[in-house]
Amino acid sequence: MALNLTRRKFLQTASLAAATAAMSGCFANRATASTPFVKKPFTAPGSFADTKTAVGGVCEMCFWRCQLVGKVRDGKLVKLEGNPKSIDNGASICARGNAGVKLLYDPDRLKFPMKNVGKRGAPQWKRITWDEALDECAAKLKGVVDKYGPHGIAMFPHGSSATYPMGFFEKVVGTPNVSEASFFQCRGIRDMAYVATLDTAPDENVDMANAKAIMLLGGHFGENVHVSHVKRYLKGLENGAKLIVVDPRFSASAAKAHIWVKIKPGTDTAFLLAIMNHLIKTGKYNKAYVEANGVGFDKFKAGISHATLAWAAKTCDVPVKQIKEVAELLAANSPNVSIHPGRHVSWYGNDFQRERSLACLTGLLGAIGVKGGFVKGKGPKVGKAGGWPKINEEHAEEHALHRMAKKHPFSPPGTPTDMIREAAITGKPYAIKGFVAWGQNPIQTIPDQEMTIKMLQQMDFVMVCDIMPTDITMYADILLPESSYLERYDMIKPGTQWDLSGKQEQYISARMPLVSVTAADHERKDPVWITNEIAKRMGLGQHIPVQTMEEKTNKALAGANLSIEQLVKEDGIHVQPGADPYGMVLKVNFFSQEVADAGFSGIPTYIPVPETPKGYARLVYGRSPVHTFNRSQNNAWLANE
């Protein structure tokens, strides 16, 4: 029996984050748009006292998407701040959020449609009109579809602006070859492991603010800042939560830890198995929760019985005493324990079983649906509007490379990146000759740059849409300039208050332009306009679901009896009474028959990673609190940090 994880089922399990992503899209060029201004309650002090405050901003300097207000003077955005009405990030934003102003006015931003009349990798750019650019994009992409089939196109999207065009290429054109960076290069392993174990994707839903103990594996709070998440973490520490950090590096989090486990890289799963085995053997696990909700616990218990403290100590290069100390600390504070699932979890290739171990440990402690544990906030409902119809989605499913090869059975959204690249280079099992990058830079984000470049060089056509020039733009045949998140309507963001034990509230916000788009020195367009124009030219215009993102946003808001106009009156954020998030009960698949049927171990298993050669060290890394991937590398304000 295979684990039946369709895109629909996966998105349903992803809860709030997926609902937000599903609403993402864009809005047509608003050269004459009026920016919503309010004077109260957000009167700016000091040197910004003469500014007006624009509401409705939602940040895109990282994926956390804090709510913003903008200080505008003489039609120009001069400062960004957190929206004080926000029950998520509040008035706080990070350094990257502040630096959005510099992104907006970066002189190196892409301004006009460009055609490469040179070679890929060594371009010579010629400015062309939008009609010329769109005509060529549509003709070349349609040519690929006509010659090779819809699966002959690959799309690499990232960010909220890429959601609308991604839906077009998947559902209407019918390509399965979509590699979404946030899934395949970051959280996908985690999400699939938790779906296999707890029947739900975790997002980052741990109630650290109310935890008695917090455990991080490679977590680096302080080196990377997601405002409301860090607020939960800091409040937990302020309230006396014991912090356990498992990391080879003395990270910013390790510096705050009560117990820092300087583990041998790649051995985290062995460490977790030993902790769980110790808890079971000493009877210090949550028997009531396991008996009521555990599946396959006896097989799990027998299967990890070899994972003694001594075995883990030797494997992980960690003292027996410290492993036992961690286990006892977790048991003493159970069930009010935050076992953080992580986010960027694609480390060594044995990551699925490590993430399964984290989910099993959470269940073993009964740390589900309780204060301090794994808790999903109950967000508000908004309407669904503007999604592309499923014209050719069946073709995409039939030609998904991992389905054809019977590989990667737990990978529902899109196609694994390495399989797209390999098929494009070898032509097997079919040719991939059209490439679209939208907000993603795969030359930097995917290992083995030479392979990625080889993939691009054999394409019949490469189209890139972005805000800034990056490595991938150097390989474009046609380069399209996109409007930024501060200039357009874009997405609905619902959620709850950051402290789940506080006053129960929900919020609904929508990204709205903080400044009017002017076209004096550029011809940037938004993704809905760009995608719709390409669809029309490919003969697929009859399937266009919305004409503008303003229309799409209003339709989505109508599901909550709201509108853009109403949100402006409410200072950019609608707040309403919420629901108690606690009390959730989840089944825990300690042994998964579905995982076993797919050819893997049905219980979490430690898979050793290759040893480093003698005389070599293993490269480990952290994060920078002032940068998000390479999208912020050109930002002058952040370059000074």
Foldseek 3Di string as FASTA:
>chain_A
DADDDAPVLQLVQQPQLSVFLLFWAFFWAFQPDDFQWDCPPDQDDDPLNPWTKGFFAFDVQDPLTAGWIFTDDPQATDFIFGDCVDLFQHRHDFQSRGLVSLLQVPPQWAFAKWFFPDAQLAGDTDGDHPVVQLLVVLVLQLVQCVVFNLQLEAEEEETRHCSQLVLCSCQPSNHLRYHYCQQQQKAVLLQLLCCLFFVHGQVFQFQLLQFQEEEEEQDAPVQADSRLVSVSNVNNVVVNRAYEYEDLDCHPSVVVHPHYWNWDPQLLLLLLLQLLLVCVVVVLWDVVLCVVFEDPVVVLNVVSNVSHLVVSCVVTVGDSVRSVVVSVSLSVRFPLYELGLGIGQPDFVLRSLSSNSSSVSNSRRVQEQDHNGRFDFDWDAWAAFFRFHRNRNVSNVVPAQCVVVLHPSSDHRGHNPVSVLVCCQPCPPHHHAHYEYEADDCCQSPPDNVSVVSSLNRHPAYEYEDTGDDSNVSRHSMYAHANDLQAIWTTKRKDFRSNLPPFTKIKIFTRHHNGYDHSPRRDHTGSLCSSLSSCVSNVNNVRRRDNTSQVSQQNRRVRVPDHPVRCSVVRGMDMDGHDRRGDDRTRGHQFRVNCVVSPDGRHRDRDGGDDDPPPDDDDDDHHHHLHDRCPCVSRPSSVVD
